[in-house]
Full PDB file with SEQRES, HELIX, SHEET, SSBOND, CRYST1, ORIGX, SCALE, CONECT and MASTER records, all heavy atoms in Angstrom:
SEQRES   1 A   43  ASN ILE PHE ASN MET TYR ASN MET ALA TRP TYR ARG GLN          
SEQRES   2 A   43  ALA PRO GLY LEU GLN ARG ASP LEU VAL ALA SER ILE THR          
SEQRES   3 A   43  SER GLY ASN SER ALA ASN TYR ALA ASP SER VAL LYS GLY          
SEQRES   4 A   43  ARG PHE THR ILE                                              
HELIX    1 AA1 PHE A    3  MET A    5  5                                   3    
SHEET    1 AA1 3 MET A   8  GLN A  13  0                                        
SHEET    2 AA1 3 ARG A  19  ILE A  25 -1                                        
SHEET    3 AA1 3 ALA A  31  TYR A  33 -1                                        
CRYST1    1.000    1.000    1.000  90.00  90.00  90.00 P 1           1          
ORIGX1      1.000000  0.000000  0.000000        0.00000                         
ORIGX2      0.000000  1.000000  0.000000        0.00000                         
ORIGX3      0.000000  0.000000  1.000000        0.00000                         
SCALE1      1.000000  0.000000  0.000000        0.00000                         
SCALE2      0.000000  1.000000  0.000000        0.00000                         
SCALE3      0.000000  0.000000  1.000000        0.00000                         
ATOM      1  N   ASN A   1      10.805 -10.558  21.012  1.00  0.00           N  
ATOM      2  CA  ASN A   1      11.980 -10.237  20.242  1.00  0.00           C  
ATOM      3  C   ASN A   1      12.518  -8.860  20.656  1.00  0.00           C  
ATOM      4  O   ASN A   1      11.960  -8.221  21.537  1.00  0.00           O  
ATOM      5  CB  ASN A   1      11.677 -10.262  18.739  1.00  0.00           C  
ATOM      6  CG  ASN A   1      12.825 -10.793  17.924  1.00  0.00           C  
ATOM      7  OD1 ASN A   1      13.964 -10.316  18.041  1.00  0.00           O  
ATOM      8  ND2 ASN A   1      12.574 -11.782  17.064  1.00  0.00           N  
ATOM      9  N   ILE A   2      13.558  -8.433  19.996  1.00  0.00           N  
ATOM     10  CA  ILE A   2      14.194  -7.162  20.305  1.00  0.00           C  
ATOM     11  C   ILE A   2      13.467  -6.072  19.521  1.00  0.00           C  
ATOM     12  O   ILE A   2      13.498  -6.008  18.305  1.00  0.00           O  
ATOM     13  CB  ILE A   2      15.679  -7.179  19.930  1.00  0.00           C  
ATOM     14  CG1 ILE A   2      16.385  -8.373  20.583  1.00  0.00           C  
ATOM     15  CG2 ILE A   2      16.340  -5.848  20.339  1.00  0.00           C  
ATOM     16  CD1 ILE A   2      16.296  -8.364  22.103  1.00  0.00           C  
ATOM     17  N   PHE A   3      12.856  -5.165  20.283  1.00  0.00           N  
ATOM     18  CA  PHE A   3      11.956  -4.188  19.684  1.00  0.00           C  
ATOM     19  C   PHE A   3      12.658  -3.268  18.692  1.00  0.00           C  
ATOM     20  O   PHE A   3      12.120  -2.972  17.627  1.00  0.00           O  
ATOM     21  CB  PHE A   3      11.281  -3.360  20.803  1.00  0.00           C  
ATOM     22  CG  PHE A   3      10.309  -2.353  20.299  1.00  0.00           C  
ATOM     23  CD1 PHE A   3       9.107  -2.728  19.696  1.00  0.00           C  
ATOM     24  CD2 PHE A   3      10.565  -1.000  20.433  1.00  0.00           C  
ATOM     25  CE1 PHE A   3       8.199  -1.795  19.261  1.00  0.00           C  
ATOM     26  CE2 PHE A   3       9.670  -0.056  19.986  1.00  0.00           C  
ATOM     27  CZ  PHE A   3       8.466  -0.457  19.401  1.00  0.00           C  
ATOM     28  N   ASN A   4      13.861  -2.819  19.032  1.00  0.00           N  
ATOM     29  CA  ASN A   4      14.524  -1.858  18.139  1.00  0.00           C  
ATOM     30  C   ASN A   4      15.093  -2.486  16.878  1.00  0.00           C  
ATOM     31  O   ASN A   4      15.727  -1.791  16.095  1.00  0.00           O  
ATOM     32  CB  ASN A   4      15.590  -1.063  18.888  1.00  0.00           C  
ATOM     33  CG  ASN A   4      16.712  -1.920  19.435  1.00  0.00           C  
ATOM     34  OD1 ASN A   4      16.813  -3.107  19.132  1.00  0.00           O  
ATOM     35  ND2 ASN A   4      17.576  -1.312  20.238  1.00  0.00           N  
ATOM     36  N   MET A   5      14.866  -3.765  16.657  1.00  0.00           N  
ATOM     37  CA  MET A   5      15.173  -4.399  15.389  1.00  0.00           C  
ATOM     38  C   MET A   5      14.032  -4.271  14.381  1.00  0.00           C  
ATOM     39  O   MET A   5      14.172  -4.729  13.257  1.00  0.00           O  
ATOM     40  CB  MET A   5      15.479  -5.887  15.588  1.00  0.00           C  
ATOM     41  CG  MET A   5      16.791  -6.129  16.331  1.00  0.00           C  
ATOM     42  SD  MET A   5      18.212  -5.615  15.353  1.00  0.00           S  
ATOM     43  CE  MET A   5      19.547  -6.042  16.487  1.00  0.00           C  
ATOM     44  N   TYR A   6      12.946  -3.636  14.801  1.00  0.00           N  
ATOM     45  CA  TYR A   6      11.748  -3.576  13.959  1.00  0.00           C  
ATOM     46  C   TYR A   6      11.399  -2.139  13.595  1.00  0.00           C  
ATOM     47  O   TYR A   6      11.462  -1.209  14.414  1.00  0.00           O  
ATOM     48  CB  TYR A   6      10.553  -4.179  14.695  1.00  0.00           C  
ATOM     49  CG  TYR A   6      10.651  -5.683  14.880  1.00  0.00           C  
ATOM     50  CD1 TYR A   6      11.302  -6.231  15.953  1.00  0.00           C  
ATOM     51  CD2 TYR A   6      10.065  -6.529  13.954  1.00  0.00           C  
ATOM     52  CE1 TYR A   6      11.410  -7.578  16.122  1.00  0.00           C  
ATOM     53  CE2 TYR A   6      10.145  -7.896  14.109  1.00  0.00           C  
ATOM     54  CZ  TYR A   6      10.827  -8.417  15.176  1.00  0.00           C  
ATOM     55  OH  TYR A   6      10.924  -9.779  15.342  1.00  0.00           O  
ATOM     56  N   ASN A   7      11.036  -1.972  12.347  1.00  0.00           N  
ATOM     57  CA  ASN A   7      10.276  -0.802  11.947  1.00  0.00           C  
ATOM     58  C   ASN A   7       8.803  -1.065  12.256  1.00  0.00           C  
ATOM     59  O   ASN A   7       8.306  -2.162  12.055  1.00  0.00           O  
ATOM     60  CB  ASN A   7      10.437  -0.495  10.464  1.00  0.00           C  
ATOM     61  CG  ASN A   7      11.855  -0.142  10.105  1.00  0.00           C  
ATOM     62  OD1 ASN A   7      12.599   0.461  10.887  1.00  0.00           O  
ATOM     63  ND2 ASN A   7      12.284  -0.497   8.905  1.00  0.00           N  
ATOM     64  N   MET A   8       8.125  -0.046  12.742  1.00  0.00           N  
ATOM     65  CA  MET A   8       6.765  -0.195  13.208  1.00  0.00           C  
ATOM     66  C   MET A   8       5.820   0.688  12.386  1.00  0.00           C  
ATOM     67  O   MET A   8       6.215   1.709  11.847  1.00  0.00           O  
ATOM     68  CB  MET A   8       6.634   0.172  14.694  1.00  0.00           C  
ATOM     69  CG  MET A   8       7.561  -0.613  15.610  1.00  0.00           C  
ATOM     70  SD  MET A   8       7.207  -2.391  15.619  1.00  0.00           S  
ATOM     71  CE  MET A   8       5.566  -2.386  16.361  1.00  0.00           C  
ATOM     72  N   ALA A   9       4.558   0.273  12.343  1.00  0.00           N  
ATOM     73  CA  ALA A   9       3.588   1.046  11.575  1.00  0.00           C  
ATOM     74  C   ALA A   9       2.187   0.788  12.120  1.00  0.00           C  
ATOM     75  O   ALA A   9       1.925  -0.214  12.800  1.00  0.00           O  
ATOM     76  CB  ALA A   9       3.638   0.660  10.094  1.00  0.00           C  
ATOM     77  N   TRP A  10       1.293   1.711  11.833  1.00  0.00           N  
ATOM     78  CA  TRP A  10      -0.124   1.562  12.065  1.00  0.00           C  
ATOM     79  C   TRP A  10      -0.839   1.594  10.724  1.00  0.00           C  
ATOM     80  O   TRP A  10      -0.586   2.457   9.886  1.00  0.00           O  
ATOM     81  CB  TRP A  10      -0.674   2.697  12.945  1.00  0.00           C  
ATOM     82  CG  TRP A  10      -0.245   2.594  14.369  1.00  0.00           C  
ATOM     83  CD1 TRP A  10       0.798   3.260  14.967  1.00  0.00           C  
ATOM     84  CD2 TRP A  10      -0.862   1.836  15.400  1.00  0.00           C  
ATOM     85  NE1 TRP A  10       0.866   2.938  16.296  1.00  0.00           N  
ATOM     86  CE2 TRP A  10      -0.148   2.067  16.593  1.00  0.00           C  
ATOM     87  CE3 TRP A  10      -1.973   0.992  15.443  1.00  0.00           C  
ATOM     88  CZ2 TRP A  10      -0.490   1.452  17.807  1.00  0.00           C  
ATOM     89  CZ3 TRP A  10      -2.303   0.390  16.632  1.00  0.00           C  
ATOM     90  CH2 TRP A  10      -1.568   0.629  17.787  1.00  0.00           C  
ATOM     91  N   TYR A  11      -1.731   0.616  10.552  1.00  0.00           N  
ATOM     92  CA  TYR A  11      -2.619   0.542   9.420  1.00  0.00           C  
ATOM     93  C   TYR A  11      -4.058   0.635   9.905  1.00  0.00           C  
ATOM     94  O   TYR A  11      -4.329   0.451  11.085  1.00  0.00           O  
ATOM     95  CB  TYR A  11      -2.435  -0.788   8.667  1.00  0.00           C  
ATOM     96  CG  TYR A  11      -1.130  -0.937   7.926  1.00  0.00           C  
ATOM     97  CD1 TYR A  11       0.052  -1.152   8.596  1.00  0.00           C  
ATOM     98  CD2 TYR A  11      -1.113  -0.879   6.524  1.00  0.00           C  
ATOM     99  CE1 TYR A  11       1.246  -1.305   7.914  1.00  0.00           C  
ATOM    100  CE2 TYR A  11       0.083  -1.034   5.841  1.00  0.00           C  
ATOM    101  CZ  TYR A  11       1.257  -1.250   6.542  1.00  0.00           C  
ATOM    102  OH  TYR A  11       2.428  -1.418   5.850  1.00  0.00           O  
ATOM    103  N   ARG A  12      -4.964   0.912   8.991  1.00  0.00           N  
ATOM    104  CA  ARG A  12      -6.362   0.894   9.339  1.00  0.00           C  
ATOM    105  C   ARG A  12      -7.183   0.341   8.186  1.00  0.00           C  
ATOM    106  O   ARG A  12      -6.789   0.459   7.021  1.00  0.00           O  
ATOM    107  CB  ARG A  12      -6.865   2.267   9.771  1.00  0.00           C  
ATOM    108  CG  ARG A  12      -6.947   3.299   8.651  1.00  0.00           C  
ATOM    109  CD  ARG A  12      -7.328   4.651   9.228  1.00  0.00           C  
ATOM    110  NE  ARG A  12      -7.447   5.668   8.192  1.00  0.00           N  
ATOM    111  CZ  ARG A  12      -7.634   6.966   8.449  1.00  0.00           C  
ATOM    112  NH1 ARG A  12      -7.721   7.378   9.715  1.00  0.00           N  
ATOM    113  NH2 ARG A  12      -7.736   7.826   7.433  1.00  0.00           N  
ATOM    114  N   GLN A  13      -8.328  -0.226   8.526  1.00  0.00           N  
ATOM    115  CA  GLN A  13      -9.226  -0.801   7.542  1.00  0.00           C  
ATOM    116  C   GLN A  13     -10.643  -0.463   7.933  1.00  0.00           C  
ATOM    117  O   GLN A  13     -11.146  -0.918   8.961  1.00  0.00           O  
ATOM    118  CB  GLN A  13      -9.017  -2.312   7.442  1.00  0.00           C  
ATOM    119  CG  GLN A  13      -9.796  -2.969   6.330  1.00  0.00           C  
ATOM    120  CD  GLN A  13      -9.355  -4.388   6.088  1.00  0.00           C  
ATOM    121  OE1 GLN A  13      -8.757  -5.019   6.952  1.00  0.00           O  
ATOM    122  NE2 GLN A  13      -9.654  -4.915   4.911  1.00  0.00           N  
ATOM    123  N   ALA A  14     -11.300   0.310   7.101  1.00  0.00           N  
ATOM    124  CA  ALA A  14     -12.713   0.619   7.268  1.00  0.00           C  
ATOM    125  C   ALA A  14     -13.542  -0.450   6.561  1.00  0.00           C  
ATOM    126  O   ALA A  14     -13.068  -1.143   5.670  1.00  0.00           O  
ATOM    127  CB  ALA A  14     -13.030   2.003   6.724  1.00  0.00           C  
ATOM    128  N   PRO A  15     -14.825  -0.593   6.961  1.00  0.00           N  
ATOM    129  CA  PRO A  15     -15.669  -1.619   6.328  1.00  0.00           C  
ATOM    130  C   PRO A  15     -15.728  -1.487   4.818  1.00  0.00           C  
ATOM    131  O   PRO A  15     -15.972  -0.401   4.296  1.00  0.00           O  
ATOM    132  CB  PRO A  15     -17.028  -1.374   6.975  1.00  0.00           C  
ATOM    133  CG  PRO A  15     -16.720  -0.731   8.284  1.00  0.00           C  
ATOM    134  CD  PRO A  15     -15.507   0.108   8.046  1.00  0.00           C  
ATOM    135  N   GLY A  16     -15.462  -2.581   4.124  1.00  0.00           N  
ATOM    136  CA  GLY A  16     -15.530  -2.602   2.683  1.00  0.00           C  
ATOM    137  C   GLY A  16     -14.334  -2.010   1.958  1.00  0.00           C  
ATOM    138  O   GLY A  16     -14.341  -1.978   0.730  1.00  0.00           O  
ATOM    139  N   LEU A  17     -13.313  -1.562   2.686  1.00  0.00           N  
ATOM    140  CA  LEU A  17     -12.166  -0.923   2.105  1.00  0.00           C  
ATOM    141  C   LEU A  17     -10.897  -1.704   2.366  1.00  0.00           C  
ATOM    142  O   LEU A  17     -10.859  -2.636   3.154  1.00  0.00           O  
ATOM    143  CB  LEU A  17     -12.018   0.520   2.635  1.00  0.00           C  
ATOM    144  CG  LEU A  17     -13.203   1.443   2.398  1.00  0.00           C  
ATOM    145  CD1 LEU A  17     -12.930   2.812   2.984  1.00  0.00           C  
ATOM    146  CD2 LEU A  17     -13.501   1.559   0.901  1.00  0.00           C  
ATOM    147  N   GLN A  18      -9.825  -1.310   1.679  1.00  0.00           N  
ATOM    148  CA  GLN A  18      -8.532  -1.934   1.861  1.00  0.00           C  
ATOM    149  C   GLN A  18      -7.917  -1.526   3.179  1.00  0.00           C  
ATOM    150  O   GLN A  18      -8.275  -0.533   3.782  1.00  0.00           O  
ATOM    151  CB  GLN A  18      -7.579  -1.516   0.713  1.00  0.00           C  
ATOM    152  CG  GLN A  18      -7.936  -2.039  -0.645  1.00  0.00           C  
ATOM    153  CD  GLN A  18      -6.914  -1.646  -1.685  1.00  0.00           C  
ATOM    154  OE1 GLN A  18      -6.475  -0.476  -1.690  1.00  0.00           O  
ATOM    155  NE2 GLN A  18      -6.546  -2.540  -2.550  1.00  0.00           N  
ATOM    156  N   ARG A  19      -6.958  -2.325   3.592  1.00  0.00           N  
ATOM    157  CA  ARG A  19      -6.134  -1.959   4.733  1.00  0.00           C  
ATOM    158  C   ARG A  19      -5.033  -1.013   4.258  1.00  0.00           C  
ATOM    159  O   ARG A  19      -4.213  -1.373   3.429  1.00  0.00           O  
ATOM    160  CB  ARG A  19      -5.542  -3.220   5.380  1.00  0.00           C  
ATOM    161  CG  ARG A  19      -4.779  -2.924   6.670  1.00  0.00           C  
ATOM    162  CD  ARG A  19      -4.304  -4.197   7.349  1.00  0.00           C  
ATOM    163  NE  ARG A  19      -5.424  -5.050   7.720  1.00  0.00           N  
ATOM    164  CZ  ARG A  19      -5.312  -6.188   8.429  1.00  0.00           C  
ATOM    165  NH1 ARG A  19      -4.125  -6.572   8.845  1.00  0.00           N  
ATOM    166  NH2 ARG A  19      -6.378  -6.900   8.721  1.00  0.00           N  
ATOM    167  N   ASP A  20      -5.029   0.187   4.781  1.00  0.00           N  
ATOM    168  CA  ASP A  20      -4.135   1.234   4.328  1.00  0.00           C  
ATOM    169  C   ASP A  20      -3.156   1.650   5.415  1.00  0.00           C  
ATOM    170  O   ASP A  20      -3.501   1.644   6.608  1.00  0.00           O  
ATOM    171  CB  ASP A  20      -4.911   2.466   3.869  1.00  0.00           C  
ATOM    172  CG  ASP A  20      -5.731   2.207   2.613  1.00  0.00           C  
ATOM    173  OD1 ASP A  20      -5.297   1.420   1.777  1.00  0.00           O  
ATOM    174  OD2 ASP A  20      -6.818   2.822   2.482  1.00  0.00           O  
ATOM    175  N   LEU A  21      -1.989   2.030   4.996  1.00  0.00           N  
ATOM    176  CA  LEU A  21      -0.980   2.544   5.915  1.00  0.00           C  
ATOM    177  C   LEU A  21      -1.405   3.919   6.457  1.00  0.00           C  
ATOM    178  O   LEU A  21      -1.754   4.813   5.676  1.00  0.00           O  
ATOM    179  CB  LEU A  21       0.357   2.653   5.213  1.00  0.00           C  
ATOM    180  CG  LEU A  21       1.524   3.223   6.023  1.00  0.00           C  
ATOM    181  CD1 LEU A  21       1.872   2.288   7.178  1.00  0.00           C  
ATOM    182  CD2 LEU A  21       2.744   3.444   5.136  1.00  0.00           C  
ATOM    183  N   VAL A  22      -1.351   4.076   7.748  1.00  0.00           N  
ATOM    184  CA  VAL A  22      -1.646   5.337   8.413  1.00  0.00           C  
ATOM    185  C   VAL A  22      -0.371   6.082   8.738  1.00  0.00           C  
ATOM    186  O   VAL A  22      -0.231   7.268   8.439  1.00  0.00           O  
ATOM    187  CB  VAL A  22      -2.474   5.120   9.685  1.00  0.00           C  
ATOM    188  CG1 VAL A  22      -2.708   6.428  10.409  1.00  0.00           C  
ATOM    189  CG2 VAL A  22      -3.791   4.430   9.338  1.00  0.00           C  
ATOM    190  N   ALA A  23       0.556   5.415   9.385  1.00  0.00           N  
ATOM    191  CA  ALA A  23       1.804   6.019   9.809  1.00  0.00           C  
ATOM    192  C   ALA A  23       2.838   4.931  10.057  1.00  0.00           C  
ATOM    193  O   ALA A  23       2.483   3.791  10.378  1.00  0.00           O  
ATOM    194  CB  ALA A  23       1.610   6.832  11.087  1.00  0.00           C  
ATOM    195  N   SER A  24       4.085   5.284   9.875  1.00  0.00           N  
ATOM    196  CA  SER A  24       5.192   4.345  10.098  1.00  0.00           C  
ATOM    197  C   SER A  24       6.302   5.059  10.816  1.00  0.00           C  
ATOM    198  O   SER A  24       6.439   6.286  10.733  1.00  0.00           O  
ATOM    199  CB  SER A  24       5.685   3.724   8.813  1.00  0.00           C  
ATOM    200  OG  SER A  24       6.230   4.731   7.939  1.00  0.00           O  
ATOM    201  N   ILE A  25       7.100   4.274  11.489  1.00  0.00           N  
ATOM    202  CA  ILE A  25       8.273   4.835  12.194  1.00  0.00           C  
ATOM    203  C   ILE A  25       9.367   3.779  12.185  1.00  0.00           C  
ATOM    204  O   ILE A  25       9.148   2.620  12.479  1.00  0.00           O  
ATOM    205  CB  ILE A  25       7.900   5.289  13.626  1.00  0.00           C  
ATOM    206  CG1 ILE A  25       9.066   5.990  14.303  1.00  0.00           C  
ATOM    207  CG2 ILE A  25       7.397   4.104  14.464  1.00  0.00           C  
ATOM    208  CD1 ILE A  25       8.663   6.733  15.569  1.00  0.00           C  
ATOM    209  N   THR A  26      10.567   4.198  11.817  1.00  0.00           N  
ATOM    210  CA  THR A  26      11.687   3.298  11.779  1.00  0.00           C  
ATOM    211  C   THR A  26      12.297   3.122  13.155  1.00  0.00           C  
ATOM    212  O   THR A  26      11.927   3.809  14.113  1.00  0.00           O  
ATOM    213  CB  THR A  26      12.764   3.812  10.813  1.00  0.00           C  
ATOM    214  OG1 THR A  26      13.385   4.978  11.364  1.00  0.00           O  
ATOM    215  CG2 THR A  26      12.195   4.125   9.460  1.00  0.00           C  
ATOM    216  N   SER A  27      13.223   2.188  13.259  1.00  0.00           N  
ATOM    217  CA  SER A  27      13.937   1.992  14.503  1.00  0.00           C  
ATOM    218  C   SER A  27      14.717   3.223  14.908  1.00  0.00           C  
ATOM    219  O   SER A  27      15.035   3.399  16.087  1.00  0.00           O  
ATOM    220  CB  SER A  27      14.836   0.778  14.430  1.00  0.00           C  
ATOM    221  OG  SER A  27      15.810   0.932  13.376  1.00  0.00           O  
ATOM    222  N   GLY A  28      15.035   4.072  13.931  1.00  0.00           N  
ATOM    223  CA  GLY A  28      15.747   5.312  14.183  1.00  0.00           C  
ATOM    224  C   GLY A  28      14.840   6.517  14.356  1.00  0.00           C  
ATOM    225  O   GLY A  28      15.322   7.658  14.345  1.00  0.00           O  
ATOM    226  N   ASN A  29      13.529   6.291  14.516  1.00  0.00           N  
ATOM    227  CA  ASN A  29      12.544   7.338  14.815  1.00  0.00           C  
ATOM    228  C   ASN A  29      12.272   8.249  13.620  1.00  0.00           C  
ATOM    229  O   ASN A  29      11.857   9.413  13.814  1.00  0.00           O  
ATOM    230  CB  ASN A  29      12.960   8.174  16.023  1.00  0.00           C  
ATOM    231  CG  ASN A  29      12.533   7.551  17.336  1.00  0.00           C  
ATOM    232  OD1 ASN A  29      11.478   6.955  17.427  1.00  0.00           O  
ATOM    233  ND2 ASN A  29      13.382   7.704  18.339  1.00  0.00           N  
ATOM    234  N   SER A  30      12.431   7.744  12.421  1.00  0.00           N  
ATOM    235  CA  SER A  30      12.011   8.480  11.239  1.00  0.00           C  
ATOM    236  C   SER A  30      10.555   8.124  10.934  1.00  0.00           C  
ATOM    237  O   SER A  30      10.238   6.957  10.693  1.00  0.00           O  
ATOM    238  CB  SER A  30      12.895   8.144  10.045  1.00  0.00           C  
ATOM    239  OG  SER A  30      12.457   8.794   8.886  1.00  0.00           O  
ATOM    240  N   ALA A  31       9.664   9.131  10.943  1.00  0.00           N  
ATOM    241  CA  ALA A  31       8.238   8.892  10.823  1.00  0.00           C  
ATOM    242  C   ALA A  31       7.691   9.394   9.483  1.00  0.00           C  
ATOM    243  O   ALA A  31       8.164  10.384   8.951  1.00  0.00           O  
ATOM    244  CB  ALA A  31       7.507   9.578  11.969  1.00  0.00           C  
ATOM    245  N   ASN A  32       6.678   8.706   8.991  1.00  0.00           N  
ATOM    246  CA  ASN A  32       5.941   9.101   7.818  1.00  0.00           C  
ATOM    247  C   ASN A  32       4.460   8.896   8.045  1.00  0.00           C  
ATOM    248  O   ASN A  32       4.052   8.042   8.829  1.00  0.00           O  
ATOM    249  CB  ASN A  32       6.382   8.306   6.583  1.00  0.00           C  
ATOM    250  CG  ASN A  32       7.774   8.687   6.116  1.00  0.00           C  
ATOM    251  OD1 ASN A  32       8.721   7.963   6.386  1.00  0.00           O  
ATOM    252  ND2 ASN A  32       7.891   9.825   5.447  1.00  0.00           N  
ATOM    253  N   TYR A  33       3.626   9.700   7.352  1.00  0.00           N  
ATOM    254  CA  TYR A  33       2.201   9.695   7.559  1.00  0.00           C  
ATOM    255  C   TYR A  33       1.446   9.713   6.236  1.00  0.00           C  
ATOM    256  O   TYR A  33       1.894  10.281   5.253  1.00  0.00           O  
ATOM    257  CB  TYR A  33       1.766  10.910   8.363  1.00  0.00           C  
ATOM    258  CG  TYR A  33       2.394  11.007   9.717  1.00  0.00           C  
ATOM    259  CD1 TYR A  33       3.575  11.694   9.911  1.00  0.00           C  
ATOM    260  CD2 TYR A  33       1.793  10.406  10.824  1.00  0.00           C  
ATOM    261  CE1 TYR A  33       4.175  11.775  11.157  1.00  0.00           C  
ATOM    262  CE2 TYR A  33       2.373  10.464  12.073  1.00  0.00           C  
ATOM    263  CZ  TYR A  33       3.562  11.152  12.225  1.00  0.00           C  
ATOM    264  OH  TYR A  33       4.124  11.227  13.470  1.00  0.00           O  
ATOM    265  N   ALA A  34       0.302   9.061   6.256  1.00  0.00           N  
ATOM    266  CA  ALA A  34      -0.619   9.209   5.147  1.00  0.00           C  
ATOM    267  C   ALA A  34      -1.120  10.650   5.081  1.00  0.00           C  
ATOM    268  O   ALA A  34      -1.275  11.322   6.107  1.00  0.00           O  
ATOM    269  CB  ALA A  34      -1.804   8.246   5.286  1.00  0.00           C  
ATOM    270  N   ASP A  35      -1.405  11.126   3.869  1.00  0.00           N  
ATOM    271  CA  ASP A  35      -1.865  12.510   3.702  1.00  0.00           C  
ATOM    272  C   ASP A  35      -3.134  12.770   4.502  1.00  0.00           C  
ATOM    273  O   ASP A  35      -3.335  13.872   5.017  1.00  0.00           O  
ATOM    274  CB  ASP A  35      -2.113  12.799   2.234  1.00  0.00           C  
ATOM    275  CG  ASP A  35      -0.826  12.916   1.429  1.00  0.00           C  
ATOM    276  OD1 ASP A  35       0.240  13.119   2.039  1.00  0.00           O  
ATOM    277  OD2 ASP A  35      -0.899  12.814   0.205  1.00  0.00           O  
ATOM    278  N   SER A  36      -3.985  11.767   4.639  1.00  0.00           N  
ATOM    279  CA  SER A  36      -5.263  11.971   5.293  1.00  0.00           C  
ATOM    280  C   SER A  36      -5.142  12.232   6.792  1.00  0.00           C  
ATOM    281  O   SER A  36      -6.075  12.756   7.397  1.00  0.00           O  
ATOM    282  CB  SER A  36      -6.167  10.754   5.059  1.00  0.00           C  
ATOM    283  OG  SER A  36      -5.550   9.576   5.556  1.00  0.00           O  
ATOM    284  N   VAL A  37      -4.014  11.889   7.384  1.00  0.00           N  
ATOM    285  CA  VAL A  37      -3.840  12.057   8.830  1.00  0.00           C  
ATOM    286  C   VAL A  37      -2.721  13.012   9.177  1.00  0.00           C  
ATOM    287  O   VAL A  37      -2.522  13.338  10.347  1.00  0.00           O  
ATOM    288  CB  VAL A  37      -3.611  10.719   9.541  1.00  0.00           C  
ATOM    289  CG1 VAL A  37      -4.689   9.713   9.187  1.00  0.00           C  
ATOM    290  CG2 VAL A  37      -2.231  10.145   9.202  1.00  0.00           C  
ATOM    291  N   LYS A  38      -1.976  13.469   8.189  1.00  0.00           N  
ATOM    292  CA  LYS A  38      -0.853  14.359   8.435  1.00  0.00           C  
ATOM    293  C   LYS A  38      -1.318  15.627   9.159  1.00  0.00           C  
ATOM    294  O   LYS A  38      -2.297  16.255   8.777  1.00  0.00           O  
ATOM    295  CB  LYS A  38      -0.180  14.734   7.120  1.00  0.00           C  
ATOM    296  CG  LYS A  38       1.186  15.370   7.289  1.00  0.00           C  
ATOM    297  CD  LYS A  38       1.804  15.714   5.942  1.00  0.00           C  
ATOM    298  CE  LYS A  38       2.061  14.449   5.122  1.00  0.00           C  
ATOM    299  NZ  LYS A  38       3.165  13.646   5.686  1.00  0.00           N  
ATOM    300  N   GLY A  39      -0.628  15.949  10.219  1.00  0.00           N  
ATOM    301  CA  GLY A  39      -0.970  17.106  11.019  1.00  0.00           C  
ATOM    302  C   GLY A  39      -1.915  16.809  12.153  1.00  0.00           C  
ATOM    303  O   GLY A  39      -2.096  17.657  13.035  1.00  0.00           O  
ATOM    304  N   ARG A  40      -2.553  15.643  12.117  1.00  0.00           N  
ATOM    305  CA  ARG A  40      -3.497  15.270  13.175  1.00  0.00           C  
ATOM    306  C   ARG A  40      -3.025  14.103  14.021  1.00  0.00           C  
ATOM    307  O   ARG A  40      -3.289  14.045  15.226  1.00  0.00           O  
ATOM    308  CB  ARG A  40      -4.872  14.917  12.579  1.00  0.00           C  
ATOM    309  CG  ARG A  40      -5.516  16.059  11.802  1.00  0.00           C  
ATOM    310  CD  ARG A  40      -6.934  15.683  11.384  1.00  0.00           C  
ATOM    311  NE  ARG A  40      -6.953  14.533  10.476  1.00  0.00           N  
ATOM    312  CZ  ARG A  40      -7.595  13.388  10.745  1.00  0.00           C  
ATOM    313  NH1 ARG A  40      -8.262  13.241  11.866  1.00  0.00           N  
ATOM    314  NH2 ARG A  40      -7.573  12.407   9.859  1.00  0.00           N  
ATOM    315  N   PHE A  41      -2.311  13.169  13.398  1.00  0.00           N  
ATOM    316  CA  PHE A  41      -1.837  11.970  14.090  1.00  0.00           C  
ATOM    317  C   PHE A  41      -0.333  12.064  14.292  1.00  0.00           C  
ATOM    318  O   PHE A  41       0.393  12.646  13.480  1.00  0.00           O  
ATOM    319  CB  PHE A  41      -2.129  10.705  13.273  1.00  0.00           C  
ATOM    320  CG  PHE A  41      -3.591  10.347  13.178  1.00  0.00           C  
ATOM    321  CD1 PHE A  41      -4.598  11.168  13.628  1.00  0.00           C  
ATOM    322  CD2 PHE A  41      -3.930   9.136  12.619  1.00  0.00           C  
ATOM    323  CE1 PHE A  41      -5.927  10.824  13.545  1.00  0.00           C  
ATOM    324  CE2 PHE A  41      -5.265   8.763  12.511  1.00  0.00           C  
ATOM    325  CZ  PHE A  41      -6.265   9.594  12.978  1.00  0.00           C  
ATOM    326  N   THR A  42       0.127  11.459  15.356  1.00  0.00           N  
ATOM    327  CA  THR A  42       1.552  11.388  15.656  1.00  0.00           C  
ATOM    328  C   THR A  42       1.909   9.963  16.075  1.00  0.00           C  
ATOM    329  O   THR A  42       1.323   9.414  16.994  1.00  0.00           O  
ATOM    330  CB  THR A  42       1.952  12.346  16.775  1.00  0.00           C  
ATOM    331  OG1 THR A  42       1.604  13.697  16.403  1.00  0.00           O  
ATOM    332  CG2 THR A  42       3.463  12.288  17.006  1.00  0.00           C  
ATOM    333  N   ILE A  43       2.869   9.375  15.372  1.00  0.00           N  
ATOM    334  CA  ILE A  43       3.377   8.078  15.735  1.00  0.00           C  
ATOM    335  C   ILE A  43       4.674   8.255  16.522  1.00  0.00           C  
ATOM    336  O   ILE A  43       5.489   9.123  16.220  1.00  0.00           O  
ATOM    337  CB  ILE A  43       3.601   7.167  14.505  1.00  0.00           C  
ATOM    338  CG1 ILE A  43       3.939   5.735  14.923  1.00  0.00           C  
ATOM    339  CG2 ILE A  43       4.667   7.732  13.583  1.00  0.00           C  
ATOM    340  CD1 ILE A  43       3.933   4.755  13.757  1.00  0.00           C  
TER     341      ILE A  43                                                      
MASTER        0    0    0    1    3    0    0    6  340    1    0    4          
END                                                                             
């Protein structure tokens, strides 16, 4: 499909835990981060 029609995100799931949002980025390059990774991860 056409990539720029999609907002993209990374999630993670540790053993026994929920799948949580790590970071997201819109088609317009607006990024957001979970507090636990802010300042360390870059999407």
